[in-house]
Amino acid sequence: MGQEDMVSGDGWISDDSSFYGDEYEQNRLETLCEKTLPVKSWTMRKIDLNAVTFKHRNAPLPAPSNPGERQPGCWQLSEMVEDFVRRLPPVSTSTYDHEWIWVHNPHQQIQSKSKVADVNNFTIRGRELLARSLQAREDIQLDVQKKNKSLITRRLNEESRLLQQHITDLASETNVLFGKWMLFPSVEDLTRIWRLVVDGVINNRLGPSAKVAPDEGKPGERLICIYTKDFQDKKDVLRVLRQLVSIGVVDPKLKPIYYKADAYTYLDIYKTSAAEYGLQASTYSSQKLLSEEKLQQAALNPRKQSSLNRFVGL
């Protein structure tokens, strides 16, 4: 097309043309531009759920990683659940061969070196906390021995609460955060329950790992520990408990099971010794956590129903 065939735009589009909108529209758009904060907008976009999911939508899944690989007392990536249980049957495997039988979650990333638990530091300082607390309890009883018992009880309870908080703070500082739900199945039911736990761990339904006590030559129950990463993460602790109920190894209608922080295990705080410090050896009970969850759901349901009623005009 030649130059002479083109239509000139002179006089058609100018600063006064309606192409840019009328005066009101131009003023409105200019005001919006002045209010726009690009840095804030992009910062908020980084945490927007749609942006986050889109970024990871096509990201390749991390390769399975097994901390117990090539360790004879642990589940191996190449093993099916039945093969593993057959190789290391918990009923008959001796403690002389393996202190524990382990299974690790291959889908959870291994902790970085900066987050490795400093167990030795925690244990030394934790025992100092226990010793000081025992002395404080003795001082309380001597100081108020001529006063009423209710005052002694209040001060001892306060000392126990402070000790518990100090242990928790020290555990956070030293990254001694693991804890475990404890099962005590009979020998007759041990293989069935362990098989379900192993399947739950390797399929990422439970926590980072689990272990079962081998045969010590004694009759009675055996211990199975199902771990979580952080005993302070009550939401995750409850999630794992729900999964244990779901896979059929915990019956909430029967006797409760208990959760214990590794921090208390390292300090030798068990049922008998815990009373010396006014502590509970266990951190959570299944009965209490599930009851709390039911109460929370019951409290939320009337609100949801009320909102629904308003929506439909009831």
Protein backbone atom coordinates (compact mmCIF):
# COMPACT_ATOMS: atom_id res chain seq x y z
CA MET A 1 0.00 0.00 0.00
CA GLY A 2 1.40 3.33 -1.00
CA GLN A 3 1.73 6.36 1.23
CA GLU A 4 -1.07 8.07 -0.62
CA ASP A 5 -3.46 5.19 0.18
CA MET A 6 -3.07 5.53 3.99
CA VAL A 7 -5.65 7.53 5.94
CA SER A 8 -4.18 10.31 8.03
CA GLY A 9 -5.01 10.32 11.75
CA ASP A 10 -4.32 14.00 12.17
CA GLY A 11 -7.04 15.61 14.22
CA TRP A 12 -8.71 12.27 14.99
CA ILE A 13 -6.74 11.29 18.12
CA SER A 14 -5.46 13.96 20.46
CA ASP A 15 -5.15 14.63 24.20
CA ASP A 16 -8.71 15.95 24.06
CA SER A 17 -10.05 12.88 22.22
CA SER A 18 -12.58 10.54 23.84
CA PHE A 19 -10.15 7.73 23.04
CA TYR A 20 -8.70 8.34 26.54
CA GLY A 21 -12.15 8.58 28.13
CA ASP A 22 -13.92 11.67 29.32
CA GLU A 23 -12.39 14.01 31.91
CA TYR A 24 -13.93 12.13 34.84
CA GLU A 25 -12.57 8.78 33.63
CA GLN A 26 -9.09 10.20 33.03
CA ASN A 27 -9.00 11.70 36.53
CA ARG A 28 -10.17 8.41 38.04
CA LEU A 29 -7.49 6.35 36.27
CA GLU A 30 -4.75 8.83 37.19
CA THR A 31 -5.83 8.64 40.85
CA LEU A 32 -5.69 4.83 40.74
CA CYS A 33 -2.19 4.96 39.26
CA GLU A 34 -1.02 7.27 42.03
CA LYS A 35 -2.41 4.90 44.68
CA THR A 36 -0.85 1.80 43.14
CA LEU A 37 2.14 0.45 45.08
CA PRO A 38 3.94 -1.99 42.78
CA VAL A 39 6.37 -3.30 45.43
CA LYS A 40 3.55 -4.06 47.88
CA SER A 41 1.46 -5.62 45.13
CA TRP A 42 4.19 -8.03 44.05
CA THR A 43 5.07 -8.82 47.67
CA MET A 44 1.48 -9.83 48.35
CA ARG A 45 1.37 -11.86 45.15
CA LYS A 46 4.22 -14.06 46.44
CA ILE A 47 1.97 -15.40 49.20
CA ASP A 48 -1.18 -15.57 47.07
CA LEU A 49 -2.43 -19.18 47.03
CA ASN A 50 -3.06 -19.21 43.28
CA ALA A 51 0.44 -17.89 42.54
CA VAL A 52 2.06 -20.41 44.89
CA THR A 53 0.17 -23.39 43.50
CA PHE A 54 0.82 -22.32 39.90
CA LYS A 55 4.54 -22.06 40.61
CA HIS A 56 4.69 -25.61 41.95
CA ARG A 57 2.07 -27.16 39.68
CA ASN A 58 4.56 -28.71 37.31
CA ALA A 59 7.47 -28.99 39.74
CA PRO A 60 8.92 -32.52 39.82
CA LEU A 61 8.37 -34.48 43.01
CA PRO A 62 11.52 -34.93 45.11
CA ALA A 63 13.11 -38.34 44.86
CA PRO A 64 12.35 -40.63 47.83
CA SER A 65 15.05 -40.46 50.48
CA ASN A 66 15.43 -43.07 53.20
CA PRO A 67 17.65 -42.31 56.23
CA GLY A 68 17.62 -46.03 57.04
CA GLU A 69 18.83 -47.18 53.63
CA ARG A 70 21.47 -49.94 53.84
CA GLN A 71 20.95 -50.27 57.57
CA PRO A 72 19.92 -53.88 58.30
CA GLY A 73 17.50 -52.97 61.08
CA CYS A 74 15.50 -50.57 58.87
CA TRP A 75 13.00 -50.71 56.04
CA GLN A 76 14.60 -50.36 52.58
CA LEU A 77 13.25 -48.44 49.58
CA SER A 78 13.23 -51.62 47.50
CA GLU A 79 11.07 -53.51 50.00
CA MET A 80 7.34 -53.98 49.98
CA VAL A 81 5.69 -53.86 53.40
CA GLU A 82 5.21 -57.64 53.51
CA ASP A 83 8.83 -58.26 52.51
CA PHE A 84 10.08 -55.96 55.28
CA VAL A 85 7.88 -57.53 57.96
CA ARG A 86 8.91 -60.99 56.76
CA ARG A 87 12.63 -60.08 56.87
CA LEU A 88 12.39 -58.53 60.34
CA PRO A 89 9.36 -60.05 62.08
CA PRO A 90 8.83 -58.05 65.28
CA VAL A 91 7.55 -61.06 67.20
CA SER A 92 10.70 -63.15 66.79
CA THR A 93 13.54 -60.73 65.91
CA SER A 94 15.89 -60.61 68.89
CA THR A 95 17.18 -57.49 70.63
CA TYR A 96 20.63 -59.09 70.36
CA ASP A 97 20.40 -58.48 66.60
CA HIS A 98 18.62 -55.11 66.61
CA GLU A 99 17.84 -52.75 69.47
CA TRP A 100 14.85 -51.42 67.49
CA ILE A 101 13.24 -52.14 64.12
CA TRP A 102 12.79 -48.86 62.21
CA VAL A 103 10.80 -47.51 59.28
CA HIS A 104 11.42 -44.01 57.89
CA ASN A 105 9.16 -41.84 55.75
CA PRO A 106 10.82 -41.57 52.30
CA HIS A 107 8.72 -38.54 51.30
CA GLN A 108 9.80 -36.14 54.04
CA GLN A 109 12.99 -34.15 53.61
CA ILE A 110 15.84 -34.82 55.99
CA GLN A 111 16.56 -32.01 58.44
CA SER A 112 19.36 -29.66 57.48
CA LYS A 113 22.57 -29.65 59.52
CA SER A 114 21.57 -26.35 61.11
CA LYS A 115 18.56 -28.06 62.67
CA VAL A 116 20.20 -31.20 64.05
CA ALA A 117 19.14 -31.87 67.62
CA ASP A 118 21.82 -31.03 70.21
CA VAL A 119 20.85 -33.85 72.56
CA ASN A 120 23.99 -33.70 74.70
CA ASN A 121 23.60 -29.98 75.39
CA PHE A 122 19.89 -30.44 76.12
CA THR A 123 20.48 -33.35 78.50
CA ILE A 124 23.18 -31.58 80.54
CA ARG A 125 21.23 -28.35 80.93
CA GLY A 126 17.94 -30.17 81.37
CA ARG A 127 19.25 -32.16 84.32
CA GLU A 128 20.42 -28.93 85.87
CA LEU A 129 16.87 -27.60 85.53
CA LEU A 130 15.52 -30.71 87.27
CA ALA A 131 18.02 -30.42 90.13
CA ARG A 132 17.21 -26.75 90.70
CA SER A 133 13.49 -27.49 90.61
CA LEU A 134 13.83 -30.24 93.24
CA GLN A 135 15.71 -27.83 95.49
CA ALA A 136 13.05 -25.17 94.95
CA ARG A 137 10.32 -27.65 95.90
CA GLU A 138 12.15 -28.52 99.11
CA ASP A 139 12.56 -24.83 99.95
CA ILE A 140 8.86 -24.21 99.37
CA GLN A 141 7.87 -26.98 101.76
CA LEU A 142 10.29 -25.78 104.45
CA ASP A 143 9.30 -22.14 104.05
CA VAL A 144 5.60 -22.69 104.44
CA GLN A 145 5.51 -25.81 106.58
CA LYS A 146 3.71 -23.93 109.37
CA LYS A 147 1.18 -22.46 106.96
CA ASN A 148 -1.83 -24.02 105.29
CA LYS A 149 -1.54 -26.86 102.79
CA SER A 150 -3.37 -24.98 100.05
CA LEU A 151 -0.56 -22.40 99.89
CA ILE A 152 2.06 -25.16 99.61
CA THR A 153 0.07 -26.79 96.81
CA ARG A 154 -0.28 -23.54 94.87
CA ARG A 155 3.43 -22.77 95.06
CA LEU A 156 4.44 -26.33 94.14
CA ASN A 157 2.08 -26.27 91.16
CA GLU A 158 3.58 -22.97 90.03
CA GLU A 159 7.09 -24.44 90.30
CA SER A 160 6.00 -27.43 88.20
CA ARG A 161 4.50 -25.13 85.57
CA LEU A 162 7.73 -23.11 85.39
CA LEU A 163 9.83 -26.27 85.11
CA GLN A 164 7.67 -27.55 82.27
CA GLN A 165 8.02 -24.24 80.43
CA HIS A 166 11.79 -24.15 80.97
CA ILE A 167 12.16 -27.67 79.58
CA THR A 168 10.04 -26.75 76.55
CA ASP A 169 12.08 -23.58 75.93
CA LEU A 170 15.34 -25.53 76.20
CA ALA A 171 14.01 -28.20 73.81
CA SER A 172 13.19 -25.49 71.27
CA GLU A 173 16.61 -23.88 71.67
CA THR A 174 18.47 -27.18 71.16
CA ASN A 175 16.02 -28.54 68.55
CA VAL A 176 15.11 -31.58 70.64
CA LEU A 177 11.57 -31.49 69.26
CA PHE A 178 10.63 -35.02 68.24
CA GLY A 179 7.92 -36.85 70.11
CA LYS A 180 5.96 -40.06 69.66
CA TRP A 181 2.59 -41.70 70.07
CA MET A 182 3.09 -44.94 71.98
CA LEU A 183 1.21 -48.17 71.29
CA PHE A 184 1.42 -51.27 73.46
CA PRO A 185 -0.13 -54.12 71.44
CA SER A 186 -0.13 -57.70 72.63
CA VAL A 187 2.32 -60.11 70.99
CA GLU A 188 -0.63 -61.79 69.27
CA ASP A 189 -1.65 -58.50 67.60
CA LEU A 190 1.85 -57.06 67.17
CA THR A 191 2.50 -58.08 63.54
CA ARG A 192 -0.87 -56.80 62.29
CA ILE A 193 -0.50 -53.41 63.94
CA TRP A 194 3.17 -52.99 62.96
CA ARG A 195 2.32 -53.82 59.34
CA LEU A 196 -0.34 -51.08 59.29
CA VAL A 197 2.04 -48.57 60.90
CA VAL A 198 4.80 -49.36 58.37
CA ASP A 199 2.37 -48.90 55.49
CA GLY A 200 1.20 -45.58 56.96
CA VAL A 201 4.75 -44.25 57.36
CA ILE A 202 6.09 -45.17 53.92
CA ASN A 203 2.94 -43.81 52.24
CA ASN A 204 3.29 -40.45 54.02
CA ARG A 205 0.15 -40.80 56.12
CA LEU A 206 1.90 -40.66 59.47
CA GLY A 207 5.05 -38.89 60.66
CA PRO A 208 8.76 -39.06 59.82
CA SER A 209 9.42 -42.50 61.34
CA ALA A 210 8.27 -45.33 63.58
CA LYS A 211 9.94 -48.13 65.50
CA VAL A 212 8.98 -51.35 67.24
CA ALA A 213 10.70 -53.14 70.11
CA PRO A 214 12.03 -56.60 69.14
CA ASP A 215 11.84 -59.72 71.30
CA GLU A 216 13.55 -59.44 74.71
CA GLY A 217 12.48 -62.92 75.75
CA LYS A 218 9.71 -61.57 77.97
CA PRO A 219 5.96 -62.15 77.59
CA GLY A 220 3.46 -59.32 77.44
CA GLU A 221 2.99 -56.17 75.41
CA ARG A 222 5.51 -54.59 73.01
CA LEU A 223 6.14 -50.91 72.40
CA ILE A 224 5.57 -49.23 69.03
CA CYS A 225 6.51 -45.54 68.70
CA ILE A 226 5.06 -43.37 65.92
CA TYR A 227 7.04 -40.11 65.70
CA THR A 228 6.12 -36.53 64.85
CA LYS A 229 8.63 -33.75 64.13
CA ASP A 230 7.61 -31.30 66.84
CA PHE A 231 5.83 -32.10 70.09
CA GLN A 232 4.74 -28.45 70.28
CA ASP A 233 2.89 -28.73 66.94
CA LYS A 234 -0.41 -29.87 68.43
CA LYS A 235 -2.14 -29.72 65.06
CA ASP A 236 0.28 -32.23 63.51
CA VAL A 237 0.21 -34.43 66.62
CA LEU A 238 -3.59 -34.57 66.30
CA ARG A 239 -3.35 -35.23 62.56
CA VAL A 240 -1.18 -38.30 63.14
CA LEU A 241 -3.55 -39.48 65.88
CA ARG A 242 -6.50 -39.21 63.48
CA GLN A 243 -4.57 -41.27 60.94
CA LEU A 244 -3.85 -43.94 63.55
CA VAL A 245 -7.58 -44.13 64.19
CA SER A 246 -8.29 -44.17 60.45
CA ILE A 247 -5.91 -47.04 59.63
CA GLY A 248 -7.32 -49.11 62.48
CA VAL A 249 -4.53 -49.27 65.06
CA VAL A 250 -6.24 -47.01 67.62
CA ASP A 251 -9.82 -47.40 68.81
CA PRO A 252 -10.97 -44.17 70.52
CA LYS A 253 -13.71 -46.13 72.32
CA LEU A 254 -11.17 -48.28 74.12
CA LYS A 255 -8.35 -47.25 76.45
CA PRO A 256 -6.43 -44.11 75.42
CA ILE A 257 -2.89 -44.00 74.07
CA TYR A 258 -0.32 -41.42 75.11
CA TYR A 259 2.15 -39.10 73.41
CA LYS A 260 5.54 -38.34 74.93
CA ALA A 261 8.15 -35.74 73.97
CA ASP A 262 11.67 -37.08 73.39
CA ALA A 263 12.84 -34.27 75.67
CA TYR A 264 11.27 -36.07 78.65
CA THR A 265 12.75 -39.40 77.56
CA TYR A 266 16.28 -37.96 77.45
CA LEU A 267 15.77 -36.59 80.97
CA ASP A 268 14.50 -39.97 82.25
CA ILE A 269 11.13 -38.50 83.15
CA TYR A 270 8.85 -41.52 83.36
CA LYS A 271 5.63 -42.21 85.21
CA THR A 272 7.32 -42.85 88.56
CA SER A 273 9.98 -40.12 88.42
CA ALA A 274 7.67 -37.45 86.95
CA ALA A 275 5.78 -37.15 90.25
CA GLU A 276 8.94 -35.91 91.99
CA TYR A 277 8.76 -32.75 89.87
CA GLY A 278 4.98 -32.47 89.75
CA LEU A 279 5.02 -33.33 86.04
CA GLN A 280 3.13 -35.69 83.77
CA ALA A 281 5.35 -38.12 81.87
CA SER A 282 3.12 -37.88 78.80
CA THR A 283 2.49 -34.69 76.85
CA TYR A 284 -0.91 -35.61 75.37
CA SER A 285 -3.54 -38.33 75.66
CA SER A 286 -5.61 -39.49 72.70
CA GLN A 287 -8.78 -39.24 74.75
CA LYS A 288 -8.20 -35.61 75.67
CA LEU A 289 -7.14 -34.45 72.19
CA LEU A 290 -10.09 -36.11 70.48
CA SER A 291 -12.48 -34.72 73.09
CA GLU A 292 -11.11 -31.22 72.59
CA GLU A 293 -11.56 -31.58 68.84
CA LYS A 294 -15.20 -32.63 69.27
CA LEU A 295 -15.89 -29.65 71.50
CA GLN A 296 -14.33 -27.28 68.97
CA GLN A 297 -16.42 -28.77 66.16
CA ALA A 298 -19.55 -28.52 68.28
CA ALA A 299 -18.80 -24.86 68.98
CA LEU A 300 -18.32 -24.12 65.27
CA ASN A 301 -21.39 -25.98 63.98
CA PRO A 302 -24.02 -23.61 65.48
CA ARG A 303 -22.20 -20.66 63.92
CA LYS A 304 -22.20 -22.36 60.53
CA GLN A 305 -25.88 -23.19 60.86
CA SER A 306 -26.66 -19.60 61.90
CA SER A 307 -24.82 -18.28 58.84
CA LEU A 308 -26.71 -20.73 56.63
CA ASN A 309 -30.02 -19.67 58.11
CA ARG A 310 -29.28 -16.02 57.39
CA PHE A 311 -28.25 -16.91 53.84
CA VAL A 312 -31.49 -18.73 53.08
CA GLY A 313 -33.58 -16.15 54.94
CA LEU A 314 -34.72 -18.33 57.87
